[in-house]
């Protein structure tokens, strides 16, 4: 998903505005909360580096890389500024590395569940004929899917994603797998992006999970 997809989707002007607004809000929320979670976890583990770097905040301007944000908006793939962390400051280095790596992923997963619940509640409290109902349903669905996709993507053991940091927390620095991933992760990621395999898998997985969550909430509220 991205601006290009939205403008070539055949939607009318009003719906282009709705989808575009929902998409931008979703990616800002997912990324900012993910990066803030890393900063907060690192500080709690004893490293004040993120705080001194101004990253212990929900201000999007502190977390976004300008070029990465442009790419994210245009084609649906981009990047944020990495949170500066010095693991040597952690009271327990291995525990700190694991918690910091998991913090962003778990935050996105929790947000996914919350926004899926909000999507379900819209049908109970809002008139489906109202334009605000359509906007909120699209917004909450995008928020849920985007947060889930961020969580799953960051679990990949590709350098420098959280999945890689989780693996490295339990391995020696000179581990052959880690050395390989440090050198070739960008190639693997590039192939996955060019072939469309990564986007297809993440989208299919998120739709499956969100669909099951909606079915679960539907059973609870009916």
N, C-alpha and C. Protein backbone atom coordinates (compact mmCIF):
# COMPACT_ATOMS: atom_id res chain seq x y z
N UNK A 1 0.85 -1.20 0.00
CA UNK A 1 0.00 0.00 0.00
C UNK A 1 0.88 1.24 0.00
N UNK A 2 0.39 2.29 -0.65
CA UNK A 2 1.09 3.55 -0.71
C UNK A 2 0.26 4.53 -1.53
N UNK A 3 0.76 5.75 -1.68
CA UNK A 3 0.02 6.77 -2.42
C UNK A 3 -0.23 6.30 -3.85
N UNK A 4 0.77 5.69 -4.47
CA UNK A 4 0.63 5.25 -5.85
C UNK A 4 -0.52 4.27 -5.98
N UNK A 5 -0.60 3.31 -5.06
CA UNK A 5 -1.69 2.33 -5.09
C UNK A 5 -3.05 2.99 -4.92
N UNK A 6 -3.11 3.97 -4.01
CA UNK A 6 -4.38 4.64 -3.73
C UNK A 6 -4.86 5.44 -4.94
N UNK A 7 -3.94 6.17 -5.59
CA UNK A 7 -4.33 7.01 -6.72
C UNK A 7 -4.62 6.20 -7.98
N UNK A 8 -4.13 4.98 -8.07
CA UNK A 8 -4.39 4.14 -9.23
C UNK A 8 -5.47 3.10 -8.96
N UNK A 9 -6.17 3.24 -7.84
CA UNK A 9 -7.17 2.25 -7.44
C UNK A 9 -8.53 2.46 -8.10
N UNK A 10 -8.72 3.62 -8.75
CA UNK A 10 -10.00 3.90 -9.38
C UNK A 10 -11.02 4.51 -8.44
N UNK A 11 -10.61 4.89 -7.23
CA UNK A 11 -11.52 5.49 -6.27
C UNK A 11 -11.86 6.92 -6.68
N UNK A 12 -13.03 7.39 -6.23
CA UNK A 12 -13.37 8.79 -6.48
C UNK A 12 -12.55 9.67 -5.54
N UNK A 13 -12.64 11.00 -5.77
CA UNK A 13 -11.80 11.95 -5.03
C UNK A 13 -12.03 11.87 -3.52
N UNK A 14 -13.29 11.75 -3.11
CA UNK A 14 -13.60 11.70 -1.69
C UNK A 14 -12.96 10.49 -1.02
N UNK A 15 -13.05 9.33 -1.69
CA UNK A 15 -12.50 8.12 -1.10
C UNK A 15 -10.97 8.09 -1.16
N UNK A 16 -10.40 8.73 -2.18
CA UNK A 16 -8.94 8.86 -2.23
C UNK A 16 -8.47 9.64 -1.00
N UNK A 17 -9.17 10.72 -0.68
CA UNK A 17 -8.83 11.53 0.49
C UNK A 17 -8.96 10.71 1.77
N UNK A 18 -10.04 9.93 1.87
CA UNK A 18 -10.29 9.10 3.06
C UNK A 18 -9.18 8.06 3.23
N UNK A 19 -8.90 7.31 2.16
CA UNK A 19 -7.89 6.26 2.24
C UNK A 19 -6.49 6.83 2.47
N UNK A 20 -6.21 7.95 1.82
CA UNK A 20 -4.89 8.57 1.97
C UNK A 20 -4.68 9.05 3.40
N UNK A 21 -5.70 9.72 3.96
CA UNK A 21 -5.60 10.20 5.33
C UNK A 21 -5.45 9.06 6.32
N UNK A 22 -6.24 8.02 6.12
CA UNK A 22 -6.18 6.86 7.01
C UNK A 22 -4.81 6.18 6.93
N UNK A 23 -4.28 6.06 5.71
CA UNK A 23 -2.99 5.40 5.50
C UNK A 23 -1.86 6.17 6.18
N UNK A 24 -1.83 7.48 6.03
CA UNK A 24 -0.78 8.29 6.64
C UNK A 24 -0.86 8.24 8.16
N UNK A 25 -2.07 8.36 8.70
CA UNK A 25 -2.24 8.28 10.15
C UNK A 25 -1.76 6.93 10.67
N UNK A 26 -2.10 5.87 9.95
CA UNK A 26 -1.74 4.52 10.39
C UNK A 26 -0.23 4.31 10.46
N UNK A 27 0.49 4.74 9.45
CA UNK A 27 1.93 4.52 9.45
C UNK A 27 2.63 5.40 10.49
N UNK A 28 2.12 6.62 10.68
CA UNK A 28 2.71 7.50 11.70
C UNK A 28 2.53 6.88 13.08
N UNK A 29 1.32 6.43 13.39
CA UNK A 29 1.05 5.83 14.70
C UNK A 29 1.90 4.59 14.92
N UNK A 30 1.95 3.70 13.92
CA UNK A 30 2.69 2.44 14.06
C UNK A 30 4.18 2.69 14.29
N UNK A 31 4.76 3.56 13.50
CA UNK A 31 6.21 3.80 13.61
C UNK A 31 6.56 4.55 14.88
N UNK A 32 5.83 5.61 15.17
CA UNK A 32 6.14 6.42 16.35
C UNK A 32 6.02 5.58 17.63
N UNK A 33 4.95 4.81 17.75
CA UNK A 33 4.76 3.98 18.94
C UNK A 33 5.82 2.89 19.03
N UNK A 34 6.21 2.34 17.89
CA UNK A 34 7.27 1.32 17.85
C UNK A 34 8.59 1.88 18.35
N UNK A 35 8.98 3.04 17.83
CA UNK A 35 10.26 3.64 18.21
C UNK A 35 10.23 4.16 19.65
N UNK A 36 9.10 4.72 20.06
CA UNK A 36 8.98 5.18 21.44
C UNK A 36 9.11 4.01 22.41
N UNK A 37 8.53 2.86 22.05
CA UNK A 37 8.61 1.67 22.90
C UNK A 37 10.06 1.24 23.08
N UNK A 38 10.85 1.28 22.01
CA UNK A 38 12.28 0.95 22.11
C UNK A 38 12.98 1.91 23.08
N UNK A 39 12.70 3.20 22.91
CA UNK A 39 13.34 4.21 23.76
C UNK A 39 12.96 4.01 25.22
N UNK A 40 11.67 3.82 25.47
CA UNK A 40 11.18 3.67 26.84
C UNK A 40 11.79 2.43 27.49
N UNK A 41 11.83 1.31 26.75
CA UNK A 41 12.38 0.07 27.29
C UNK A 41 13.86 0.22 27.60
N UNK A 42 14.59 0.88 26.71
CA UNK A 42 16.03 1.07 26.93
C UNK A 42 16.30 1.89 28.18
N UNK A 43 15.52 2.96 28.35
CA UNK A 43 15.69 3.81 29.54
C UNK A 43 15.37 3.02 30.80
N UNK A 44 14.31 2.22 30.77
CA UNK A 44 13.94 1.41 31.92
C UNK A 44 15.00 0.35 32.24
N UNK A 45 15.72 -0.08 31.22
CA UNK A 45 16.78 -1.08 31.43
C UNK A 45 18.09 -0.45 31.88
N UNK A 46 18.13 0.89 31.96
CA UNK A 46 19.31 1.55 32.50
C UNK A 46 20.10 2.39 31.52
N UNK A 47 19.68 2.44 30.24
CA UNK A 47 20.41 3.23 29.26
C UNK A 47 19.66 4.51 28.95
N UNK A 48 20.23 5.65 29.32
CA UNK A 48 19.58 6.94 29.12
C UNK A 48 19.89 7.57 27.75
N UNK A 49 20.61 6.84 26.90
CA UNK A 49 20.99 7.38 25.59
C UNK A 49 19.79 7.85 24.77
N UNK A 50 18.69 7.07 24.67
CA UNK A 50 17.53 7.54 23.90
C UNK A 50 16.95 8.84 24.46
N UNK A 51 16.96 8.97 25.79
CA UNK A 51 16.42 10.18 26.41
C UNK A 51 17.26 11.38 26.05
N UNK A 52 18.59 11.24 26.14
CA UNK A 52 19.48 12.35 25.81
C UNK A 52 19.41 12.70 24.32
N UNK A 53 19.07 11.71 23.51
CA UNK A 53 18.97 11.94 22.06
C UNK A 53 17.61 12.50 21.66
N UNK A 54 16.74 12.71 22.62
CA UNK A 54 15.43 13.27 22.35
C UNK A 54 14.44 12.29 21.75
N UNK A 55 14.68 10.99 21.96
CA UNK A 55 13.81 9.98 21.35
C UNK A 55 12.76 9.42 22.31
N UNK A 56 12.80 9.85 23.55
CA UNK A 56 11.79 9.39 24.52
C UNK A 56 10.58 10.31 24.40
N UNK A 57 9.96 10.27 23.23
CA UNK A 57 8.85 11.17 22.92
C UNK A 57 7.95 10.55 21.87
N UNK A 58 6.71 11.02 21.82
CA UNK A 58 5.77 10.59 20.78
C UNK A 58 5.69 11.61 19.65
N UNK A 59 6.61 12.54 19.63
CA UNK A 59 6.68 13.53 18.55
C UNK A 59 7.20 12.86 17.28
N UNK A 60 6.39 12.75 16.23
CA UNK A 60 6.82 12.06 15.00
C UNK A 60 8.09 12.63 14.38
N UNK A 61 8.28 13.94 14.50
CA UNK A 61 9.44 14.58 13.89
C UNK A 61 10.75 14.05 14.46
N UNK A 62 10.73 13.55 15.68
CA UNK A 62 11.94 13.03 16.31
C UNK A 62 12.29 11.62 15.83
N UNK A 63 11.34 10.93 15.24
CA UNK A 63 11.54 9.52 14.88
C UNK A 63 11.67 9.27 13.39
N UNK A 64 11.11 10.16 12.56
CA UNK A 64 11.10 9.89 11.14
C UNK A 64 12.35 10.35 10.43
N UNK A 65 12.83 9.52 9.52
CA UNK A 65 13.86 9.91 8.57
C UNK A 65 13.12 10.46 7.34
N UNK A 66 13.50 11.64 6.87
CA UNK A 66 12.74 12.30 5.81
C UNK A 66 12.62 11.43 4.56
N UNK A 67 13.74 10.88 4.08
CA UNK A 67 13.71 10.05 2.88
C UNK A 67 12.94 8.76 3.12
N UNK A 68 13.14 8.18 4.29
CA UNK A 68 12.44 6.95 4.61
C UNK A 68 10.94 7.15 4.68
N UNK A 69 10.51 8.32 5.19
CA UNK A 69 9.08 8.62 5.28
C UNK A 69 8.49 8.81 3.89
N UNK A 70 9.23 9.48 2.99
CA UNK A 70 8.75 9.69 1.62
C UNK A 70 8.57 8.35 0.92
N UNK A 71 9.54 7.46 1.05
CA UNK A 71 9.43 6.14 0.44
C UNK A 71 8.25 5.37 1.02
N UNK A 72 8.07 5.49 2.32
CA UNK A 72 6.98 4.78 3.00
C UNK A 72 5.62 5.25 2.49
N UNK A 73 5.47 6.54 2.32
CA UNK A 73 4.21 7.10 1.83
C UNK A 73 3.97 6.71 0.37
N UNK A 74 5.03 6.77 -0.45
CA UNK A 74 4.87 6.53 -1.88
C UNK A 74 4.66 5.06 -2.23
N UNK A 75 5.48 4.17 -1.66
CA UNK A 75 5.43 2.77 -2.08
C UNK A 75 5.07 1.79 -0.96
N UNK A 76 4.92 2.31 0.26
CA UNK A 76 4.53 1.42 1.35
C UNK A 76 5.69 0.77 2.06
N UNK A 77 6.93 1.13 1.70
CA UNK A 77 8.11 0.60 2.41
C UNK A 77 9.09 1.73 2.64
N UNK A 78 9.50 1.89 3.90
CA UNK A 78 10.46 2.93 4.23
C UNK A 78 11.14 2.62 5.54
N UNK A 79 11.63 3.64 6.20
CA UNK A 79 12.36 3.40 7.44
C UNK A 79 12.29 4.65 8.33
N UNK A 80 12.55 4.43 9.61
CA UNK A 80 12.61 5.52 10.59
C UNK A 80 14.05 5.64 11.08
N UNK A 81 14.31 6.67 11.86
CA UNK A 81 15.64 6.82 12.45
C UNK A 81 15.82 5.72 13.51
N UNK A 82 16.93 4.99 13.46
CA UNK A 82 17.15 3.99 14.51
C UNK A 82 17.35 4.67 15.86
N UNK A 83 16.79 4.07 16.89
CA UNK A 83 16.94 4.61 18.24
C UNK A 83 18.37 4.33 18.73
N UNK A 84 19.13 5.38 19.11
CA UNK A 84 20.49 5.15 19.62
C UNK A 84 20.45 4.48 20.99
N UNK A 85 21.08 3.32 21.07
CA UNK A 85 21.08 2.55 22.31
C UNK A 85 22.48 2.05 22.60
N UNK A 86 22.90 2.15 23.85
CA UNK A 86 24.19 1.61 24.28
C UNK A 86 23.90 0.48 25.27
N UNK A 87 23.95 -0.75 24.80
CA UNK A 87 23.58 -1.89 25.64
C UNK A 87 24.53 -2.09 26.82
N UNK A 88 25.71 -1.49 26.74
CA UNK A 88 26.65 -1.60 27.86
C UNK A 88 26.13 -0.90 29.11
N UNK A 89 25.15 -0.02 28.93
CA UNK A 89 24.57 0.68 30.08
C UNK A 89 23.45 -0.11 30.74
N UNK A 90 23.00 -1.20 30.12
CA UNK A 90 21.93 -1.99 30.70
C UNK A 90 22.41 -2.65 31.99
N UNK A 91 21.52 -2.73 32.97
CA UNK A 91 21.86 -3.40 34.23
C UNK A 91 22.14 -4.89 33.97
N UNK A 92 21.39 -5.47 33.05
CA UNK A 92 21.61 -6.84 32.60
C UNK A 92 21.59 -6.79 31.08
N UNK A 93 22.76 -6.95 30.46
CA UNK A 93 22.89 -6.70 29.03
C UNK A 93 21.97 -7.60 28.19
N UNK A 94 22.02 -8.92 28.43
CA UNK A 94 21.21 -9.83 27.61
C UNK A 94 19.72 -9.56 27.82
N UNK A 95 19.31 -9.43 29.07
CA UNK A 95 17.91 -9.16 29.35
C UNK A 95 17.48 -7.83 28.73
N UNK A 96 18.33 -6.82 28.83
CA UNK A 96 18.01 -5.53 28.25
C UNK A 96 17.86 -5.59 26.75
N UNK A 97 18.77 -6.29 26.08
CA UNK A 97 18.71 -6.41 24.63
C UNK A 97 17.42 -7.10 24.18
N UNK A 98 17.04 -8.16 24.89
CA UNK A 98 15.83 -8.90 24.54
C UNK A 98 14.59 -8.03 24.75
N UNK A 99 14.51 -7.36 25.89
CA UNK A 99 13.34 -6.54 26.20
C UNK A 99 13.21 -5.37 25.23
N UNK A 100 14.32 -4.73 24.92
CA UNK A 100 14.29 -3.61 23.98
C UNK A 100 13.86 -4.09 22.59
N UNK A 101 14.39 -5.22 22.16
CA UNK A 101 14.03 -5.74 20.84
C UNK A 101 12.56 -6.12 20.77
N UNK A 102 12.04 -6.69 21.85
CA UNK A 102 10.64 -7.14 21.87
C UNK A 102 9.65 -5.99 22.09
N UNK A 103 10.13 -4.91 22.70
CA UNK A 103 9.21 -3.83 23.10
C UNK A 103 8.43 -3.26 21.92
N UNK A 104 9.12 -2.97 20.83
CA UNK A 104 8.44 -2.40 19.67
C UNK A 104 7.46 -3.38 19.04
N UNK A 105 7.88 -4.64 18.95
CA UNK A 105 7.03 -5.68 18.36
C UNK A 105 5.77 -5.87 19.19
N UNK A 106 5.93 -5.99 20.50
CA UNK A 106 4.77 -6.21 21.38
C UNK A 106 3.85 -5.00 21.38
N UNK A 107 4.42 -3.81 21.31
CA UNK A 107 3.60 -2.59 21.25
C UNK A 107 2.72 -2.60 20.01
N UNK A 108 3.31 -2.94 18.87
CA UNK A 108 2.53 -3.00 17.63
C UNK A 108 1.45 -4.08 17.69
N UNK A 109 1.74 -5.21 18.32
CA UNK A 109 0.75 -6.28 18.43
C UNK A 109 -0.42 -5.85 19.31
N UNK A 110 -0.11 -5.20 20.42
CA UNK A 110 -1.18 -4.71 21.32
C UNK A 110 -2.04 -3.68 20.60
N UNK A 111 -1.40 -2.77 19.86
CA UNK A 111 -2.15 -1.76 19.12
C UNK A 111 -3.02 -2.41 18.05
N UNK A 112 -2.51 -3.46 17.43
CA UNK A 112 -3.30 -4.18 16.43
C UNK A 112 -4.60 -4.70 17.03
N UNK A 113 -4.51 -5.30 18.19
CA UNK A 113 -5.70 -5.83 18.87
C UNK A 113 -6.65 -4.70 19.26
N UNK A 114 -6.11 -3.61 19.79
CA UNK A 114 -6.94 -2.47 20.21
C UNK A 114 -7.70 -1.87 19.03
N UNK A 115 -7.00 -1.67 17.91
CA UNK A 115 -7.65 -1.04 16.76
C UNK A 115 -8.62 -1.99 16.06
N UNK A 116 -8.35 -3.28 16.12
CA UNK A 116 -9.32 -4.23 15.59
C UNK A 116 -10.59 -4.20 16.42
N UNK A 117 -10.43 -4.06 17.73
CA UNK A 117 -11.58 -3.93 18.62
C UNK A 117 -12.36 -2.65 18.30
N UNK A 118 -11.64 -1.55 18.07
CA UNK A 118 -12.29 -0.29 17.72
C UNK A 118 -13.08 -0.43 16.42
N UNK A 119 -12.51 -1.16 15.47
CA UNK A 119 -13.21 -1.41 14.20
C UNK A 119 -14.53 -2.12 14.46
N UNK A 120 -14.51 -3.11 15.32
CA UNK A 120 -15.72 -3.86 15.64
C UNK A 120 -16.76 -3.00 16.35
N UNK A 121 -16.28 -2.14 17.26
CA UNK A 121 -17.20 -1.30 18.04
C UNK A 121 -17.88 -0.24 17.19
N UNK A 122 -17.25 0.14 16.07
CA UNK A 122 -17.88 1.14 15.20
C UNK A 122 -19.27 0.68 14.75
N UNK A 123 -19.37 -0.60 14.42
CA UNK A 123 -20.64 -1.13 13.92
C UNK A 123 -21.72 -1.10 14.99
N UNK A 124 -21.32 -1.08 16.26
CA UNK A 124 -22.30 -1.09 17.36
C UNK A 124 -22.81 0.30 17.71
N UNK A 125 -21.97 1.32 17.54
CA UNK A 125 -22.31 2.64 18.05
C UNK A 125 -22.47 3.72 16.98
N UNK A 126 -22.14 3.42 15.73
CA UNK A 126 -22.24 4.44 14.69
C UNK A 126 -23.20 4.03 13.59
N UNK A 127 -23.83 5.01 12.99
CA UNK A 127 -24.72 4.80 11.87
C UNK A 127 -23.88 4.48 10.62
N UNK A 128 -24.04 3.28 10.04
CA UNK A 128 -23.21 2.90 8.89
C UNK A 128 -23.43 3.74 7.64
N UNK A 129 -24.47 4.57 7.63
CA UNK A 129 -24.71 5.43 6.46
C UNK A 129 -23.92 6.73 6.53
N UNK A 130 -23.32 7.01 7.67
CA UNK A 130 -22.54 8.24 7.84
C UNK A 130 -21.15 8.09 7.23
N UNK A 131 -20.63 9.18 6.69
CA UNK A 131 -19.29 9.17 6.10
C UNK A 131 -18.23 8.94 7.17
N UNK A 132 -18.48 9.45 8.39
CA UNK A 132 -17.52 9.27 9.47
C UNK A 132 -17.38 7.80 9.84
N UNK A 133 -18.47 7.04 9.68
CA UNK A 133 -18.42 5.60 9.95
C UNK A 133 -17.46 4.93 8.97
N UNK A 134 -17.58 5.27 7.69
CA UNK A 134 -16.70 4.68 6.69
C UNK A 134 -15.25 5.05 6.94
N UNK A 135 -15.02 6.34 7.26
CA UNK A 135 -13.64 6.78 7.52
C UNK A 135 -13.04 6.05 8.71
N UNK A 136 -13.79 5.95 9.81
CA UNK A 136 -13.26 5.31 11.00
C UNK A 136 -13.01 3.82 10.78
N UNK A 137 -13.88 3.16 10.03
CA UNK A 137 -13.67 1.74 9.76
C UNK A 137 -12.40 1.54 8.93
N UNK A 138 -12.22 2.39 7.92
CA UNK A 138 -11.01 2.31 7.10
C UNK A 138 -9.78 2.63 7.95
N UNK A 139 -9.89 3.68 8.77
CA UNK A 139 -8.77 4.09 9.62
C UNK A 139 -8.39 2.98 10.60
N UNK A 140 -9.36 2.44 11.30
CA UNK A 140 -9.06 1.40 12.28
C UNK A 140 -8.52 0.13 11.62
N UNK A 141 -9.03 -0.18 10.44
CA UNK A 141 -8.52 -1.37 9.73
C UNK A 141 -7.07 -1.15 9.30
N UNK A 142 -6.78 0.04 8.78
CA UNK A 142 -5.40 0.35 8.40
C UNK A 142 -4.47 0.34 9.62
N UNK A 143 -4.96 0.92 10.72
CA UNK A 143 -4.15 0.95 11.94
C UNK A 143 -3.86 -0.46 12.43
N UNK A 144 -4.87 -1.32 12.40
CA UNK A 144 -4.68 -2.70 12.85
C UNK A 144 -3.71 -3.44 11.94
N UNK A 145 -3.93 -3.35 10.64
CA UNK A 145 -3.08 -4.07 9.68
C UNK A 145 -1.64 -3.55 9.69
N UNK A 146 -1.50 -2.23 9.72
CA UNK A 146 -0.15 -1.64 9.69
C UNK A 146 0.66 -2.03 10.92
N UNK A 147 0.03 -1.99 12.08
CA UNK A 147 0.74 -2.38 13.30
C UNK A 147 1.11 -3.87 13.27
N UNK A 148 0.22 -4.70 12.76
CA UNK A 148 0.53 -6.13 12.68
C UNK A 148 1.67 -6.38 11.70
N UNK A 149 1.61 -5.72 10.55
CA UNK A 149 2.67 -5.88 9.56
C UNK A 149 4.01 -5.41 10.11
N UNK A 150 4.02 -4.29 10.83
CA UNK A 150 5.26 -3.81 11.44
C UNK A 150 5.82 -4.83 12.43
N UNK A 151 4.93 -5.43 13.22
CA UNK A 151 5.38 -6.40 14.21
C UNK A 151 6.00 -7.63 13.54
N UNK A 152 5.32 -8.17 12.55
CA UNK A 152 5.80 -9.38 11.87
C UNK A 152 7.07 -9.08 11.08
N UNK A 153 7.10 -7.95 10.39
CA UNK A 153 8.28 -7.58 9.61
C UNK A 153 9.50 -7.46 10.50
N UNK A 154 9.33 -6.83 11.66
CA UNK A 154 10.47 -6.63 12.56
C UNK A 154 10.92 -7.91 13.25
N UNK A 155 10.13 -8.96 13.16
CA UNK A 155 10.54 -10.26 13.71
C UNK A 155 11.51 -10.99 12.78
N UNK A 156 11.61 -10.55 11.53
CA UNK A 156 12.53 -11.20 10.59
C UNK A 156 13.97 -11.03 11.09
N UNK A 157 14.78 -12.08 11.00
CA UNK A 157 16.17 -12.00 11.51
C UNK A 157 17.12 -11.30 10.55
N UNK A 158 16.66 -10.20 9.98
CA UNK A 158 17.47 -9.43 9.04
C UNK A 158 18.09 -8.24 9.76
N UNK A 159 19.35 -8.00 9.53
CA UNK A 159 20.05 -6.87 10.14
C UNK A 159 19.54 -5.57 9.51
N UNK A 160 19.19 -4.54 10.30
CA UNK A 160 19.28 -4.42 11.75
C UNK A 160 17.91 -4.51 12.44
N UNK A 161 17.04 -5.36 11.96
CA UNK A 161 15.68 -5.45 12.52
C UNK A 161 15.70 -6.08 13.91
N UNK A 162 14.58 -5.98 14.60
CA UNK A 162 14.48 -6.48 15.97
C UNK A 162 14.69 -7.99 16.03
N UNK A 163 14.25 -8.69 15.01
CA UNK A 163 14.44 -10.14 14.98
C UNK A 163 15.92 -10.51 15.00
N UNK A 164 16.72 -9.75 14.27
CA UNK A 164 18.17 -9.96 14.28
C UNK A 164 18.74 -9.69 15.66
N UNK A 165 18.29 -8.62 16.30
CA UNK A 165 18.77 -8.27 17.64
C UNK A 165 18.39 -9.32 18.67
N UNK A 166 17.22 -9.93 18.48
CA UNK A 166 16.81 -11.01 19.39
C UNK A 166 17.74 -12.20 19.26
N UNK A 167 18.05 -12.58 18.02
CA UNK A 167 18.96 -13.71 17.80
C UNK A 167 20.35 -13.38 18.33
N UNK A 168 20.82 -12.17 18.05
CA UNK A 168 22.19 -11.80 18.47
C UNK A 168 22.34 -11.74 19.98
N UNK A 169 21.22 -11.51 20.70
CA UNK A 169 21.29 -11.44 22.16
C UNK A 169 21.68 -12.79 22.76
N UNK A 170 21.47 -13.86 22.02
CA UNK A 170 21.76 -15.20 22.54
C UNK A 170 22.94 -15.86 21.83
N UNK A 171 23.65 -15.09 20.99
CA UNK A 171 24.77 -15.65 20.24
C UNK A 171 26.03 -14.81 20.44
N UNK A 172 27.16 -15.42 20.17
CA UNK A 172 28.42 -14.69 20.16
C UNK A 172 28.43 -13.73 18.97
N UNK A 173 29.17 -12.65 19.09
CA UNK A 173 29.20 -11.65 18.03
C UNK A 173 29.72 -12.24 16.73
N UNK A 174 30.68 -13.21 16.83
CA UNK A 174 31.28 -13.79 15.63
C UNK A 174 30.50 -14.99 15.10
N UNK A 175 29.26 -15.17 15.55
CA UNK A 175 28.43 -16.26 15.04
C UNK A 175 28.31 -16.16 13.52
N UNK A 176 28.44 -17.29 12.81
CA UNK A 176 28.47 -17.28 11.35
C UNK A 176 27.16 -16.79 10.74
N UNK A 177 26.04 -17.18 11.36
CA UNK A 177 24.74 -16.72 10.85
C UNK A 177 24.62 -15.21 10.98
N UNK A 178 25.02 -14.67 12.13
CA UNK A 178 24.96 -13.23 12.34
C UNK A 178 25.87 -12.49 11.38
N UNK A 179 27.06 -13.05 11.16
CA UNK A 179 28.01 -12.42 10.24
C UNK A 179 27.43 -12.40 8.82
N UNK A 180 26.79 -13.50 8.43
CA UNK A 180 26.18 -13.57 7.11
C UNK A 180 25.06 -12.55 6.97
N UNK A 181 24.21 -12.47 8.00
CA UNK A 181 23.08 -11.55 7.94
C UNK A 181 23.53 -10.10 7.97
N UNK A 182 24.59 -9.79 8.69
CA UNK A 182 25.10 -8.41 8.70
C UNK A 182 25.54 -7.99 7.30
N UNK A 183 26.09 -8.93 6.56
CA UNK A 183 26.62 -8.62 5.24
C UNK A 183 25.57 -8.67 4.14
N UNK A 184 24.61 -9.60 4.25
CA UNK A 184 23.73 -9.88 3.11
C UNK A 184 22.25 -9.58 3.36
N UNK A 185 21.90 -9.09 4.53
CA UNK A 185 20.49 -8.82 4.81
C UNK A 185 19.88 -7.85 3.80
N UNK A 186 20.63 -6.85 3.39
CA UNK A 186 20.10 -5.85 2.46
C UNK A 186 19.79 -6.48 1.12
N UNK A 187 20.58 -7.48 0.71
CA UNK A 187 20.33 -8.17 -0.55
C UNK A 187 19.06 -9.02 -0.45
N UNK A 188 18.94 -9.75 0.65
CA UNK A 188 17.76 -10.58 0.87
C UNK A 188 16.50 -9.72 0.88
N UNK A 189 16.56 -8.60 1.58
CA UNK A 189 15.41 -7.71 1.68
C UNK A 189 15.07 -7.11 0.31
N UNK A 190 16.09 -6.75 -0.44
CA UNK A 190 15.87 -6.18 -1.77
C UNK A 190 15.19 -7.17 -2.69
N UNK A 191 15.62 -8.43 -2.64
CA UNK A 191 15.00 -9.48 -3.46
C UNK A 191 13.54 -9.67 -3.07
N UNK A 192 13.28 -9.72 -1.76
CA UNK A 192 11.92 -9.90 -1.27
C UNK A 192 11.01 -8.75 -1.71
N UNK A 193 11.56 -7.54 -1.74
CA UNK A 193 10.77 -6.37 -2.14
C UNK A 193 10.53 -6.35 -3.65
N UNK A 194 11.57 -6.61 -4.43
CA UNK A 194 11.46 -6.55 -5.88
C UNK A 194 10.50 -7.62 -6.40
N UNK A 195 10.57 -8.82 -5.84
CA UNK A 195 9.70 -9.90 -6.27
C UNK A 195 8.27 -9.74 -5.77
N UNK A 196 8.09 -8.87 -4.77
CA UNK A 196 6.77 -8.68 -4.19
C UNK A 196 6.39 -9.74 -3.18
N UNK A 197 7.31 -10.68 -2.92
CA UNK A 197 7.01 -11.79 -2.02
C UNK A 197 6.75 -11.31 -0.61
N UNK A 198 7.55 -10.37 -0.16
CA UNK A 198 7.41 -9.88 1.22
C UNK A 198 6.06 -9.19 1.42
N UNK A 199 5.72 -8.30 0.51
CA UNK A 199 4.46 -7.59 0.62
C UNK A 199 3.26 -8.53 0.56
N UNK A 200 3.34 -9.52 -0.35
CA UNK A 200 2.23 -10.46 -0.50
C UNK A 200 2.03 -11.28 0.76
N UNK A 201 3.12 -11.80 1.32
CA UNK A 201 3.03 -12.64 2.52
C UNK A 201 2.53 -11.82 3.71
N UNK A 202 3.10 -10.64 3.92
CA UNK A 202 2.70 -9.81 5.06
C UNK A 202 1.24 -9.38 4.95
N UNK A 203 0.82 -9.00 3.75
CA UNK A 203 -0.57 -8.57 3.57
C UNK A 203 -1.54 -9.72 3.78
N UNK A 204 -1.22 -10.88 3.20
CA UNK A 204 -2.09 -12.05 3.35
C UNK A 204 -2.18 -12.48 4.81
N UNK A 205 -1.04 -12.45 5.49
CA UNK A 205 -1.03 -12.85 6.90
C UNK A 205 -1.83 -11.87 7.75
N UNK A 206 -1.64 -10.57 7.50
CA UNK A 206 -2.36 -9.57 8.30
C UNK A 206 -3.87 -9.66 8.06
N UNK A 207 -4.28 -9.86 6.81
CA UNK A 207 -5.71 -10.00 6.52
C UNK A 207 -6.30 -11.23 7.21
N UNK A 208 -5.53 -12.31 7.24
CA UNK A 208 -6.00 -13.53 7.89
C UNK A 208 -6.17 -13.31 9.39
N UNK A 209 -5.17 -12.73 10.03
CA UNK A 209 -5.21 -12.51 11.48
C UNK A 209 -6.31 -11.52 11.84
N UNK A 210 -6.37 -10.40 11.11
CA UNK A 210 -7.39 -9.39 11.41
C UNK A 210 -8.78 -9.96 11.19
N UNK A 211 -8.94 -10.76 10.15
CA UNK A 211 -10.23 -11.39 9.90
C UNK A 211 -10.66 -12.29 11.03
N UNK A 212 -9.73 -13.06 11.57
CA UNK A 212 -10.05 -13.94 12.69
C UNK A 212 -10.35 -13.15 13.96
N UNK A 213 -9.61 -12.06 14.18
CA UNK A 213 -9.88 -11.21 15.34
C UNK A 213 -11.27 -10.57 15.24
N UNK A 214 -11.63 -10.12 14.04
CA UNK A 214 -12.94 -9.52 13.85
C UNK A 214 -14.05 -10.54 14.08
N UNK A 215 -13.80 -11.77 13.63
CA UNK A 215 -14.79 -12.84 13.86
C UNK A 215 -14.94 -13.11 15.35
N UNK A 216 -13.81 -13.10 16.07
CA UNK A 216 -13.84 -13.33 17.52
C UNK A 216 -14.60 -12.23 18.24
N UNK A 217 -14.29 -10.97 17.90
CA UNK A 217 -14.98 -9.85 18.54
C UNK A 217 -16.45 -9.84 18.15
N UNK A 218 -16.74 -10.26 16.91
CA UNK A 218 -18.13 -10.33 16.48
C UNK A 218 -18.92 -11.31 17.31
N UNK A 219 -18.30 -12.45 17.67
CA UNK A 219 -18.95 -13.45 18.53
C UNK A 219 -19.17 -12.90 19.92
N UNK A 220 -18.22 -12.09 20.41
CA UNK A 220 -18.31 -11.56 21.78
C UNK A 220 -19.42 -10.53 21.88
N UNK A 221 -19.57 -9.68 20.85
CA UNK A 221 -20.51 -8.57 20.93
C UNK A 221 -21.89 -8.87 20.36
N UNK A 222 -22.13 -10.12 19.92
CA UNK A 222 -23.45 -10.46 19.39
C UNK A 222 -24.11 -11.52 20.26
